[in-house]
Amino acid sequence: MQPFQLQHILPYLKEGYRFKSIHQPSILVKQSGDHVMVSSLNYHAKLSLEDFQIMYEATLFVLDEEEESTIDLEKDSEFYRWKQ
């Protein structure tokens, strides 16, 4: 699969596509509204689009073609409600 730079995946994130970083540890990214959900084995974050672009500008991504996402938005919201 061909890797893509961050600026090339932004329009596709808005359309609902998911991407994985090619660097280890791998991260999974998916856009949800005005935020980007970032997930790896030990890290989950909901970032503004601007923060995502700043933090991952040098990262290369490939399209994630797996059926199931590792980002569960409902569980993520439930976790943050519980933490408050």
PDB file of N, CA and C in Angstrom:
ATOM      1  N   MET A   1       0.822  -1.193   0.000  1.00  0.00           N
ATOM      2  CA  MET A   1       0.000   0.000   0.000  1.00  0.00           C
ATOM      3  C   MET A   1       0.858   1.245   0.000  1.00  0.00           C
ATOM      4  N   GLN A   2       0.411   2.226  -0.709  1.00  0.00           N
ATOM      5  CA  GLN A   2       1.150   3.476  -0.816  1.00  0.00           C
ATOM      6  C   GLN A   2       0.902   4.337   0.418  1.00  0.00           C
ATOM      7  N   PRO A   3       1.978   4.824   1.056  1.00  0.00           N
ATOM      8  CA  PRO A   3       1.791   5.729   2.198  1.00  0.00           C
ATOM      9  C   PRO A   3       1.436   7.137   1.723  1.00  0.00           C
ATOM     10  N   PHE A   4       0.649   7.832   2.559  1.00  0.00           N
ATOM     11  CA  PHE A   4       0.204   9.186   2.250  1.00  0.00           C
ATOM     12  C   PHE A   4       0.656  10.147   3.339  1.00  0.00           C
ATOM     13  N   GLN A   5       0.969  11.361   2.934  1.00  0.00           N
ATOM     14  CA  GLN A   5       1.284  12.405   3.899  1.00  0.00           C
ATOM     15  C   GLN A   5      -0.017  12.939   4.486  1.00  0.00           C
ATOM     16  N   LEU A   6       0.099  13.583   5.630  1.00  0.00           N
ATOM     17  CA  LEU A   6      -1.055  14.055   6.374  1.00  0.00           C
ATOM     18  C   LEU A   6      -2.002  14.913   5.526  1.00  0.00           C
ATOM     19  N   GLN A   7      -1.467  15.868   4.794  1.00  0.00           N
ATOM     20  CA  GLN A   7      -2.340  16.771   4.040  1.00  0.00           C
ATOM     21  C   GLN A   7      -3.162  16.037   2.979  1.00  0.00           C
ATOM     22  N   HIS A   8      -2.693  14.868   2.534  1.00  0.00           N
ATOM     23  CA  HIS A   8      -3.430  14.103   1.530  1.00  0.00           C
ATOM     24  C   HIS A   8      -4.585  13.296   2.117  1.00  0.00           C
ATOM     25  N   ILE A   9      -4.514  12.963   3.408  1.00  0.00           N
ATOM     26  CA  ILE A   9      -5.587  12.144   3.990  1.00  0.00           C
ATOM     27  C   ILE A   9      -6.715  12.980   4.595  1.00  0.00           C
ATOM     28  N   LEU A  10      -6.487  14.259   4.829  1.00  0.00           N
ATOM     29  CA  LEU A  10      -7.494  15.098   5.502  1.00  0.00           C
ATOM     30  C   LEU A  10      -8.862  15.088   4.823  1.00  0.00           C
ATOM     31  N   PRO A  11      -8.959  15.240   3.491  1.00  0.00           N
ATOM     32  CA  PRO A  11     -10.285  15.192   2.865  1.00  0.00           C
ATOM     33  C   PRO A  11     -10.973  13.835   3.036  1.00  0.00           C
ATOM     34  N   TYR A  12     -10.191  12.773   3.056  1.00  0.00           N
ATOM     35  CA  TYR A  12     -10.755  11.429   3.194  1.00  0.00           C
ATOM     36  C   TYR A  12     -11.204  11.136   4.621  1.00  0.00           C
ATOM     37  N   LEU A  13     -10.503  11.725   5.599  1.00  0.00           N
ATOM     38  CA  LEU A  13     -10.950  11.592   6.991  1.00  0.00           C
ATOM     39  C   LEU A  13     -12.352  12.189   7.139  1.00  0.00           C
ATOM     40  N   LYS A  14     -12.586  13.326   6.504  1.00  0.00           N
ATOM     41  CA  LYS A  14     -13.893  13.990   6.571  1.00  0.00           C
ATOM     42  C   LYS A  14     -14.995  13.129   5.962  1.00  0.00           C
ATOM     43  N   GLU A  15     -14.623  12.282   5.002  1.00  0.00           N
ATOM     44  CA  GLU A  15     -15.602  11.399   4.355  1.00  0.00           C
ATOM     45  C   GLU A  15     -15.823  10.098   5.131  1.00  0.00           C
ATOM     46  N   GLY A  16     -15.094   9.913   6.233  1.00  0.00           N
ATOM     47  CA  GLY A  16     -15.303   8.744   7.065  1.00  0.00           C
ATOM     48  C   GLY A  16     -14.278   7.633   6.929  1.00  0.00           C
ATOM     49  N   TYR A  17     -13.268   7.826   6.102  1.00  0.00           N
ATOM     50  CA  TYR A  17     -12.224   6.818   5.967  1.00  0.00           C
ATOM     51  C   TYR A  17     -11.340   6.803   7.209  1.00  0.00           C
ATOM     52  N   ARG A  18     -10.766   5.633   7.504  1.00  0.00           N
ATOM     53  CA  ARG A  18      -9.824   5.487   8.610  1.00  0.00           C
ATOM     54  C   ARG A  18      -8.442   5.234   8.046  1.00  0.00           C
ATOM     55  N   PHE A  19      -7.445   5.707   8.772  1.00  0.00           N
ATOM     56  CA  PHE A  19      -6.059   5.517   8.350  1.00  0.00           C
ATOM     57  C   PHE A  19      -5.223   5.017   9.516  1.00  0.00           C
ATOM     58  N   LYS A  20      -4.147   4.289   9.172  1.00  0.00           N
ATOM     59  CA  LYS A  20      -3.167   3.822  10.157  1.00  0.00           C
ATOM     60  C   LYS A  20      -1.825   4.441   9.821  1.00  0.00           C
ATOM     61  N   SER A  21      -1.063   4.748  10.862  1.00  0.00           N
ATOM     62  CA  SER A  21       0.300   5.229  10.624  1.00  0.00           C
ATOM     63  C   SER A  21       1.164   4.036  10.228  1.00  0.00           C
ATOM     64  N   ILE A  22       2.213   4.309   9.459  1.00  0.00           N
ATOM     65  CA  ILE A  22       3.091   3.215   9.062  1.00  0.00           C
ATOM     66  C   ILE A  22       4.231   3.032  10.054  1.00  0.00           C
ATOM     67  N   HIS A  23       4.412   3.986  10.942  1.00  0.00           N
ATOM     68  CA  HIS A  23       5.474   3.912  11.937  1.00  0.00           C
ATOM     69  C   HIS A  23       4.977   3.196  13.180  1.00  0.00           C
ATOM     70  N   GLN A  24       5.897   2.553  13.881  1.00  0.00           N
ATOM     71  CA  GLN A  24       5.552   1.860  15.120  1.00  0.00           C
ATOM     72  C   GLN A  24       5.818   2.765  16.310  1.00  0.00           C
ATOM     73  N   PRO A  25       5.016   2.783  17.325  1.00  0.00           N
ATOM     74  CA  PRO A  25       3.768   2.038  17.423  1.00  0.00           C
ATOM     75  C   PRO A  25       2.715   2.650  16.507  1.00  0.00           C
ATOM     76  N   SER A  26       1.985   1.801  15.852  1.00  0.00           N
ATOM     77  CA  SER A  26       0.977   2.221  14.888  1.00  0.00           C
ATOM     78  C   SER A  26      -0.209   2.884  15.588  1.00  0.00           C
ATOM     79  N   ILE A  27      -0.743   3.917  14.959  1.00  0.00           N
ATOM     80  CA  ILE A  27      -1.947   4.567  15.472  1.00  0.00           C
ATOM     81  C   ILE A  27      -3.048   4.467  14.428  1.00  0.00           C
ATOM     82  N   LEU A  28      -4.268   4.459  14.887  1.00  0.00           N
ATOM     83  CA  LEU A  28      -5.443   4.457  14.027  1.00  0.00           C
ATOM     84  C   LEU A  28      -6.101   5.814  14.179  1.00  0.00           C
ATOM     85  N   VAL A  29      -6.476   6.448  13.060  1.00  0.00           N
ATOM     86  CA  VAL A  29      -7.112   7.765  13.116  1.00  0.00           C
ATOM     87  C   VAL A  29      -8.424   7.748  12.347  1.00  0.00           C
ATOM     88  N   LYS A  30      -9.400   8.459  12.912  1.00  0.00           N
ATOM     89  CA  LYS A  30     -10.724   8.582  12.300  1.00  0.00           C
ATOM     90  C   LYS A  30     -11.300   9.923  12.738  1.00  0.00           C
ATOM     91  N   GLN A  31     -11.925  10.619  11.816  1.00  0.00           N
ATOM     92  CA  GLN A  31     -12.526  11.905  12.157  1.00  0.00           C
ATOM     93  C   GLN A  31     -13.941  11.704  12.673  1.00  0.00           C
ATOM     94  N   SER A  32     -14.281  12.467  13.700  1.00  0.00           N
ATOM     95  CA  SER A  32     -15.615  12.455  14.290  1.00  0.00           C
ATOM     96  C   SER A  32     -16.026  13.903  14.490  1.00  0.00           C
ATOM     97  N   GLY A  33     -16.847  14.409  13.588  1.00  0.00           N
ATOM     98  CA  GLY A  33     -17.231  15.821  13.668  1.00  0.00           C
ATOM     99  C   GLY A  33     -16.030  16.713  13.401  1.00  0.00           C
ATOM    100  N   ASP A  34     -15.780  17.637  14.331  1.00  0.00           N
ATOM    101  CA  ASP A  34     -14.639  18.549  14.191  1.00  0.00           C
ATOM    102  C   ASP A  34     -13.377  18.024  14.851  1.00  0.00           C
ATOM    103  N   HIS A  35     -13.415  16.785  15.349  1.00  0.00           N
ATOM    104  CA  HIS A  35     -12.281  16.208  16.049  1.00  0.00           C
ATOM    105  C   HIS A  35     -11.767  14.961  15.341  1.00  0.00           C
ATOM    106  N   VAL A  36     -10.516  14.634  15.648  1.00  0.00           N
ATOM    107  CA  VAL A  36      -9.906  13.421  15.124  1.00  0.00           C
ATOM    108  C   VAL A  36      -9.652  12.494  16.307  1.00  0.00           C
ATOM    109  N   MET A  37     -10.142  11.276  16.191  1.00  0.00           N
ATOM    110  CA  MET A  37      -9.937  10.263  17.220  1.00  0.00           C
ATOM    111  C   MET A  37      -8.653   9.515  16.873  1.00  0.00           C
ATOM    112  N   VAL A  38      -7.739   9.473  17.826  1.00  0.00           N
ATOM    113  CA  VAL A  38      -6.450   8.810  17.641  1.00  0.00           C
ATOM    114  C   VAL A  38      -6.369   7.677  18.653  1.00  0.00           C
ATOM    115  N   SER A  39      -5.993   6.491  18.189  1.00  0.00           N
ATOM    116  CA  SER A  39      -5.970   5.340  19.087  1.00  0.00           C
ATOM    117  C   SER A  39      -4.790   4.441  18.762  1.00  0.00           C
ATOM    118  N   SER A  40      -4.159   3.937  19.825  1.00  0.00           N
ATOM    119  CA  SER A  40      -3.150   2.888  19.711  1.00  0.00           C
ATOM    120  C   SER A  40      -3.367   1.959  20.896  1.00  0.00           C
ATOM    121  N   LEU A  41      -2.479   1.033  21.101  1.00  0.00           N
ATOM    122  CA  LEU A  41      -2.667   0.076  22.185  1.00  0.00           C
ATOM    123  C   LEU A  41      -2.779   0.737  23.556  1.00  0.00           C
ATOM    124  N   ASN A  42      -1.960   1.744  23.819  1.00  0.00           N
ATOM    125  CA  ASN A  42      -1.925   2.360  25.143  1.00  0.00           C
ATOM    126  C   ASN A  42      -2.293   3.835  25.137  1.00  0.00           C
ATOM    127  N   TYR A  43      -2.913   4.304  24.070  1.00  0.00           N
ATOM    128  CA  TYR A  43      -3.156   5.734  23.953  1.00  0.00           C
ATOM    129  C   TYR A  43      -4.441   5.967  23.165  1.00  0.00           C
ATOM    130  N   HIS A  44      -5.304   6.811  23.712  1.00  0.00           N
ATOM    131  CA  HIS A  44      -6.522   7.226  23.019  1.00  0.00           C
ATOM    132  C   HIS A  44      -6.673   8.721  23.225  1.00  0.00           C
ATOM    133  N   ALA A  45      -6.986   9.434  22.159  1.00  0.00           N
ATOM    134  CA  ALA A  45      -7.144  10.880  22.279  1.00  0.00           C
ATOM    135  C   ALA A  45      -8.183  11.386  21.293  1.00  0.00           C
ATOM    136  N   LYS A  46      -8.840  12.448  21.691  1.00  0.00           N
ATOM    137  CA  LYS A  46      -9.774  13.168  20.834  1.00  0.00           C
ATOM    138  C   LYS A  46      -9.158  14.545  20.638  1.00  0.00           C
ATOM    139  N   LEU A  47      -8.637  14.781  19.436  1.00  0.00           N
ATOM    140  CA  LEU A  47      -7.890  15.997  19.158  1.00  0.00           C
ATOM    141  C   LEU A  47      -8.656  16.916  18.215  1.00  0.00           C
ATOM    142  N   SER A  48      -8.435  18.212  18.389  1.00  0.00           N
ATOM    143  CA  SER A  48      -8.958  19.139  17.387  1.00  0.00           C
ATOM    144  C   SER A  48      -8.210  18.878  16.087  1.00  0.00           C
ATOM    145  N   LEU A  49      -8.801  19.234  14.985  1.00  0.00           N
ATOM    146  CA  LEU A  49      -8.165  19.026  13.689  1.00  0.00           C
ATOM    147  C   LEU A  49      -6.823  19.757  13.628  1.00  0.00           C
ATOM    148  N   GLU A  50      -6.779  20.947  14.199  1.00  0.00           N
ATOM    149  CA  GLU A  50      -5.543  21.738  14.213  1.00  0.00           C
ATOM    150  C   GLU A  50      -4.446  21.049  15.034  1.00  0.00           C
ATOM    151  N   ASP A  51      -4.790  20.561  16.224  1.00  0.00           N
ATOM    152  CA  ASP A  51      -3.804  19.862  17.056  1.00  0.00           C
ATOM    153  C   ASP A  51      -3.326  18.585  16.380  1.00  0.00           C
ATOM    154  N   PHE A  52      -4.234  17.852  15.759  1.00  0.00           N
ATOM    155  CA  PHE A  52      -3.863  16.634  15.044  1.00  0.00           C
ATOM    156  C   PHE A  52      -2.847  16.942  13.944  1.00  0.00           C
ATOM    157  N   GLN A  53      -3.087  18.011  13.195  1.00  0.00           N
ATOM    158  CA  GLN A  53      -2.178  18.374  12.109  1.00  0.00           C
ATOM    159  C   GLN A  53      -0.804  18.755  12.643  1.00  0.00           C
ATOM    160  N   ILE A  54      -0.755  19.443  13.768  1.00  0.00           N
ATOM    161  CA  ILE A  54       0.523  19.843  14.355  1.00  0.00           C
ATOM    162  C   ILE A  54       1.282  18.620  14.878  1.00  0.00           C
ATOM    163  N   MET A  55       0.580  17.748  15.585  1.00  0.00           N
ATOM    164  CA  MET A  55       1.235  16.604  16.222  1.00  0.00           C
ATOM    165  C   MET A  55       1.689  15.531  15.233  1.00  0.00           C
ATOM    166  N   TYR A  56       0.963  15.366  14.144  1.00  0.00           N
ATOM    167  CA  TYR A  56       1.242  14.251  13.230  1.00  0.00           C
ATOM    168  C   TYR A  56       1.637  14.701  11.828  1.00  0.00           C
ATOM    169  N   GLU A  57       2.162  15.924  11.692  1.00  0.00           N
ATOM    170  CA  GLU A  57       2.491  16.444  10.373  1.00  0.00           C
ATOM    171  C   GLU A  57       3.571  15.644   9.650  1.00  0.00           C
ATOM    172  N   ALA A  58       4.469  14.999  10.366  1.00  0.00           N
ATOM    173  CA  ALA A  58       5.547  14.233   9.733  1.00  0.00           C
ATOM    174  C   ALA A  58       5.216  12.742   9.605  1.00  0.00           C
ATOM    175  N   THR A  59       4.023  12.344   9.981  1.00  0.00           N
ATOM    176  CA  THR A  59       3.631  10.937   9.978  1.00  0.00           C
ATOM    177  C   THR A  59       3.082  10.529   8.611  1.00  0.00           C
ATOM    178  N   LEU A  60       3.418   9.320   8.198  1.00  0.00           N
ATOM    179  CA  LEU A  60       2.871   8.762   6.964  1.00  0.00           C
ATOM    180  C   LEU A  60       1.772   7.773   7.325  1.00  0.00           C
ATOM    181  N   PHE A  61       0.717   7.737   6.513  1.00  0.00           N
ATOM    182  CA  PHE A  61      -0.460   6.918   6.791  1.00  0.00           C
ATOM    183  C   PHE A  61      -0.804   6.035   5.602  1.00  0.00           C
ATOM    184  N   VAL A  62      -1.467   4.923   5.895  1.00  0.00           N
ATOM    185  CA  VAL A  62      -2.061   4.069   4.866  1.00  0.00           C
ATOM    186  C   VAL A  62      -3.532   3.895   5.211  1.00  0.00           C
ATOM    187  N   LEU A  63      -4.329   3.619   4.199  1.00  0.00           N
ATOM    188  CA  LEU A  63      -5.755   3.398   4.398  1.00  0.00           C
ATOM    189  C   LEU A  63      -5.966   2.154   5.244  1.00  0.00           C
ATOM    190  N   ASP A  64      -6.837   2.236   6.252  1.00  0.00           N
ATOM    191  CA  ASP A  64      -7.160   1.092   7.098  1.00  0.00           C
ATOM    192  C   ASP A  64      -8.348   0.381   6.472  1.00  0.00           C
ATOM    193  N   GLU A  65      -8.125  -0.839   6.027  1.00  0.00           N
ATOM    194  CA  GLU A  65      -9.177  -1.586   5.350  1.00  0.00           C
ATOM    195  C   GLU A  65      -9.815  -2.652   6.228  1.00  0.00           C
ATOM    196  N   GLU A  66      -9.487  -2.660   7.510  1.00  0.00           N
ATOM    197  CA  GLU A  66     -10.097  -3.623   8.415  1.00  0.00           C
ATOM    198  C   GLU A  66     -11.554  -3.255   8.635  1.00  0.00           C
ATOM    199  N   GLU A  67     -12.377  -4.256   8.851  1.00  0.00           N
ATOM    200  CA  GLU A  67     -13.816  -4.053   9.043  1.00  0.00           C
ATOM    201  C   GLU A  67     -14.140  -3.323  10.337  1.00  0.00           C
ATOM    202  N   GLU A  68     -13.452  -3.701  11.419  1.00  0.00           N
ATOM    203  CA  GLU A  68     -13.797  -3.180  12.733  1.00  0.00           C
ATOM    204  C   GLU A  68     -12.804  -2.124  13.166  1.00  0.00           C
ATOM    205  N   SER A  69     -13.293  -1.038  13.721  1.00  0.00           N
ATOM    206  CA  SER A  69     -12.446   0.018  14.240  1.00  0.00           C
ATOM    207  C   SER A  69     -12.086  -0.275  15.693  1.00  0.00           C
ATOM    208  N   THR A  70     -10.858   0.080  16.075  1.00  0.00           N
ATOM    209  CA  THR A  70     -10.483  -0.087  17.476  1.00  0.00           C
ATOM    210  C   THR A  70     -10.912   1.119  18.295  1.00  0.00           C
ATOM    211  N   ILE A  71     -11.437   2.142  17.661  1.00  0.00           N
ATOM    212  CA  ILE A  71     -11.937   3.309  18.368  1.00  0.00           C
ATOM    213  C   ILE A  71     -13.432   3.124  18.572  1.00  0.00           C
ATOM    214  N   ASP A  72     -13.843   2.995  19.805  1.00  0.00           N
ATOM    215  CA  ASP A  72     -15.257   2.851  20.136  1.00  0.00           C
ATOM    216  C   ASP A  72     -15.710   4.171  20.748  1.00  0.00           C
ATOM    217  N   LEU A  73     -16.387   4.998  19.958  1.00  0.00           N
ATOM    218  CA  LEU A  73     -16.760   6.332  20.403  1.00  0.00           C
ATOM    219  C   LEU A  73     -17.669   6.298  21.620  1.00  0.00           C
ATOM    220  N   GLU A  74     -18.559   5.322  21.697  1.00  0.00           N
ATOM    221  CA  GLU A  74     -19.474   5.225  22.835  1.00  0.00           C
ATOM    222  C   GLU A  74     -18.705   4.914  24.121  1.00  0.00           C
ATOM    223  N   LYS A  75     -17.790   3.959  24.050  1.00  0.00           N
ATOM    224  CA  LYS A  75     -16.986   3.623  25.231  1.00  0.00           C
ATOM    225  C   LYS A  75     -16.075   4.775  25.610  1.00  0.00           C
ATOM    226  N   ASP A  76     -15.542   5.473  24.618  1.00  0.00           N
ATOM    227  CA  ASP A  76     -14.676   6.609  24.874  1.00  0.00           C
ATOM    228  C   ASP A  76     -15.442   7.697  25.630  1.00  0.00           C
ATOM    229  N   SER A  77     -16.640   8.020  25.186  1.00  0.00           N
ATOM    230  CA  SER A  77     -17.469   9.026  25.855  1.00  0.00           C
ATOM    231  C   SER A  77     -17.832   8.576  27.261  1.00  0.00           C
ATOM    232  N   GLU A  78     -18.181   7.308  27.401  1.00  0.00           N
ATOM    233  CA  GLU A  78     -18.537   6.757  28.708  1.00  0.00           C
ATOM    234  C   GLU A  78     -17.355   6.857  29.677  1.00  0.00           C
ATOM    235  N   PHE A  79     -16.159   6.570  29.190  1.00  0.00           N
ATOM    236  CA  PHE A  79     -14.957   6.641  30.018  1.00  0.00           C
ATOM    237  C   PHE A  79     -14.738   8.060  30.535  1.00  0.00           C
ATOM    238  N   TYR A  80     -14.854   9.049  29.656  1.00  0.00           N
ATOM    239  CA  TYR A  80     -14.602  10.427  30.076  1.00  0.00           C
ATOM    240  C   TYR A  80     -15.693  10.953  30.996  1.00  0.00           C
ATOM    241  N   ARG A  81     -16.919  10.487  30.830  1.00  0.00           N
ATOM    242  CA  ARG A  81     -17.985  10.860  31.776  1.00  0.00           C
ATOM    243  C   ARG A  81     -17.677  10.282  33.147  1.00  0.00           C
ATOM    244  N   TRP A  82     -17.200   9.045  33.176  1.00  0.00           N
ATOM    245  CA  TRP A  82     -16.870   8.376  34.422  1.00  0.00           C
ATOM    246  C   TRP A  82     -15.710   9.079  35.132  1.00  0.00           C
ATOM    247  N   LYS A  83     -14.745   9.566  34.366  1.00  0.00           N
ATOM    248  CA  LYS A  83     -13.545  10.198  34.921  1.00  0.00           C
ATOM    249  C   LYS A  83     -13.840  11.550  35.579  1.00  0.00           C
ATOM    250  N   GLN A  84     -14.929  12.205  35.186  1.00  0.00           N
ATOM    251  CA  GLN A  84     -15.206  13.553  35.706  1.00  0.00           C
ATOM    252  C   GLN A  84     -15.626  13.543  37.102  1.00  0.00           C
TER     253      GLN A  84
END
